[in-house]
Amino acid sequence: MAGTVSITLGRAEALILFEILSREPDRPECGKFQVPGNRDADYWAFDELLGTLERVLPEPFGPGYDQYLSDAAHNLIRRRGRLPGPDHT
């Protein structure tokens, strides 16, 4: 299967996804992102998405990233709402 696809994301979604994907894979005991199924193809697909986000997002590599990330989270929750339950922030 060859070819590419284009995905349009809002900046808030892109920053949140970058943060999730940039966590060290396969260490859920430390609160880290775990690749579903722990399969090679899953890992490489997430790695490609992370690499793409790294190329288009300047915020993670500049000053004030924590504030950008916090603003992105608040923006996303304001637009989409909170999930039910006490553990969703």
C-alpha atoms as a PDB file:
ATOM      1  CA  MET A   1       0.000   0.000   0.000  1.00  0.00           C
ATOM      2  CA  ALA A   2       1.693   3.182  -1.157  1.00  0.00           C
ATOM      3  CA  GLY A   3       0.711   6.805  -1.060  1.00  0.00           C
ATOM      4  CA  THR A   4       0.121   9.501   1.478  1.00  0.00           C
ATOM      5  CA  VAL A   5      -2.844  11.106   3.186  1.00  0.00           C
ATOM      6  CA  SER A   6      -3.368  14.624   4.447  1.00  0.00           C
ATOM      7  CA  ILE A   7      -4.914  15.353   7.821  1.00  0.00           C
ATOM      8  CA  THR A   8      -6.041  18.761   8.964  1.00  0.00           C
ATOM      9  CA  LEU A   9      -5.823  19.329  12.712  1.00  0.00           C
ATOM     10  CA  GLY A  10      -6.397  22.351  14.834  1.00  0.00           C
ATOM     11  CA  ARG A  11      -3.300  23.688  16.574  1.00  0.00           C
ATOM     12  CA  ALA A  12      -4.681  22.672  19.985  1.00  0.00           C
ATOM     13  CA  GLU A  13      -5.201  19.088  18.848  1.00  0.00           C
ATOM     14  CA  ALA A  14      -1.762  18.999  17.240  1.00  0.00           C
ATOM     15  CA  LEU A  15      -0.026  20.220  20.402  1.00  0.00           C
ATOM     16  CA  ILE A  16      -1.903  17.746  22.610  1.00  0.00           C
ATOM     17  CA  LEU A  17      -1.111  14.883  20.226  1.00  0.00           C
ATOM     18  CA  PHE A  18       2.534  15.924  20.117  1.00  0.00           C
ATOM     19  CA  GLU A  19       2.700  15.840  23.907  1.00  0.00           C
ATOM     20  CA  ILE A  20       1.088  12.399  24.086  1.00  0.00           C
ATOM     21  CA  LEU A  21       3.221  10.906  21.331  1.00  0.00           C
ATOM     22  CA  SER A  22       6.475  12.430  22.560  1.00  0.00           C
ATOM     23  CA  ARG A  23       6.266  10.625  25.879  1.00  0.00           C
ATOM     24  CA  GLU A  24       8.480   7.610  26.134  1.00  0.00           C
ATOM     25  CA  PRO A  25       6.569   4.639  24.654  1.00  0.00           C
ATOM     26  CA  ASP A  26       5.907   1.389  26.474  1.00  0.00           C
ATOM     27  CA  ARG A  27       6.198   2.635  30.049  1.00  0.00           C
ATOM     28  CA  PRO A  28       2.625   2.838  31.373  1.00  0.00           C
ATOM     29  CA  GLU A  29       3.856   2.292  34.928  1.00  0.00           C
ATOM     30  CA  CYS A  30       5.388   5.780  34.757  1.00  0.00           C
ATOM     31  CA  GLY A  31       2.298   7.361  33.249  1.00  0.00           C
ATOM     32  CA  LYS A  32       3.841   7.232  29.803  1.00  0.00           C
ATOM     33  CA  PHE A  33       2.121   6.594  26.506  1.00  0.00           C
ATOM     34  CA  GLN A  34       1.922   2.930  25.591  1.00  0.00           C
ATOM     35  CA  VAL A  35       1.708   1.786  21.985  1.00  0.00           C
ATOM     36  CA  PRO A  36      -1.503  -0.275  21.615  1.00  0.00           C
ATOM     37  CA  GLY A  37      -0.730  -3.923  21.092  1.00  0.00           C
ATOM     38  CA  ASN A  38       2.999  -3.226  21.428  1.00  0.00           C
ATOM     39  CA  ARG A  39       3.488  -4.146  17.761  1.00  0.00           C
ATOM     40  CA  ASP A  40       6.178  -2.885  15.449  1.00  0.00           C
ATOM     41  CA  ALA A  41       3.773  -1.425  12.896  1.00  0.00           C
ATOM     42  CA  ASP A  42       1.847   0.447  15.610  1.00  0.00           C
ATOM     43  CA  TYR A  43       5.062   1.916  16.963  1.00  0.00           C
ATOM     44  CA  TRP A  44       6.294   3.053  13.550  1.00  0.00           C
ATOM     45  CA  ALA A  45       2.939   4.612  12.663  1.00  0.00           C
ATOM     46  CA  PHE A  46       2.953   6.655  15.882  1.00  0.00           C
ATOM     47  CA  ASP A  47       6.615   7.526  15.300  1.00  0.00           C
ATOM     48  CA  GLU A  48       5.815   8.879  11.825  1.00  0.00           C
ATOM     49  CA  LEU A  49       2.962  10.976  13.177  1.00  0.00           C
ATOM     50  CA  LEU A  50       5.243  12.355  15.896  1.00  0.00           C
ATOM     51  CA  GLY A  51       7.920  13.179  13.320  1.00  0.00           C
ATOM     52  CA  THR A  52       5.385  15.021  11.192  1.00  0.00           C
ATOM     53  CA  LEU A  53       4.206  17.033  14.188  1.00  0.00           C
ATOM     54  CA  GLU A  54       7.832  17.835  15.067  1.00  0.00           C
ATOM     55  CA  ARG A  55       8.357  19.283  11.602  1.00  0.00           C
ATOM     56  CA  VAL A  56       5.312  21.571  11.681  1.00  0.00           C
ATOM     57  CA  LEU A  57       5.075  22.696  15.311  1.00  0.00           C
ATOM     58  CA  PRO A  58       7.602  25.249  16.577  1.00  0.00           C
ATOM     59  CA  GLU A  59       6.020  25.563  20.052  1.00  0.00           C
ATOM     60  CA  PRO A  60       7.459  22.390  21.643  1.00  0.00           C
ATOM     61  CA  PHE A  61      10.992  23.569  20.944  1.00  0.00           C
ATOM     62  CA  GLY A  62      10.710  27.155  22.097  1.00  0.00           C
ATOM     63  CA  PRO A  63      10.211  29.042  25.317  1.00  0.00           C
ATOM     64  CA  GLY A  64       6.793  28.954  26.901  1.00  0.00           C
ATOM     65  CA  TYR A  65       5.852  25.460  25.690  1.00  0.00           C
ATOM     66  CA  ASP A  66       4.124  24.584  28.959  1.00  0.00           C
ATOM     67  CA  GLN A  67       1.897  27.642  28.602  1.00  0.00           C
ATOM     68  CA  TYR A  68       1.123  26.821  24.951  1.00  0.00           C
ATOM     69  CA  LEU A  69       0.201  23.290  26.000  1.00  0.00           C
ATOM     70  CA  SER A  70      -1.981  24.503  28.865  1.00  0.00           C
ATOM     71  CA  ASP A  71      -3.727  26.998  26.579  1.00  0.00           C
ATOM     72  CA  ALA A  72      -4.257  24.267  23.975  1.00  0.00           C
ATOM     73  CA  ALA A  73      -5.846  21.961  26.556  1.00  0.00           C
ATOM     74  CA  HIS A  74      -8.164  24.683  27.832  1.00  0.00           C
ATOM     75  CA  ASN A  75      -9.099  25.677  24.285  1.00  0.00           C
ATOM     76  CA  LEU A  76      -9.890  22.099  23.325  1.00  0.00           C
ATOM     77  CA  ILE A  77     -11.984  21.458  26.439  1.00  0.00           C
ATOM     78  CA  ARG A  78     -13.820  24.756  25.976  1.00  0.00           C
ATOM     79  CA  ARG A  79     -14.721  23.807  22.400  1.00  0.00           C
ATOM     80  CA  ARG A  80     -15.460  20.113  22.921  1.00  0.00           C
ATOM     81  CA  GLY A  81     -16.482  19.889  26.574  1.00  0.00           C
ATOM     82  CA  ARG A  82     -15.390  17.700  29.441  1.00  0.00           C
ATOM     83  CA  LEU A  83     -15.730  13.948  29.497  1.00  0.00           C
ATOM     84  CA  PRO A  84     -17.991  12.530  32.194  1.00  0.00           C
ATOM     85  CA  GLY A  85     -16.364  11.330  35.391  1.00  0.00           C
ATOM     86  CA  PRO A  86     -14.093  12.762  38.064  1.00  0.00           C
ATOM     87  CA  ASP A  87     -10.795  11.605  36.493  1.00  0.00           C
ATOM     88  CA  HIS A  88     -11.078  13.636  33.293  1.00  0.00           C
ATOM     89  CA  THR A  89      -9.279  16.970  33.416  1.00  0.00           C
END
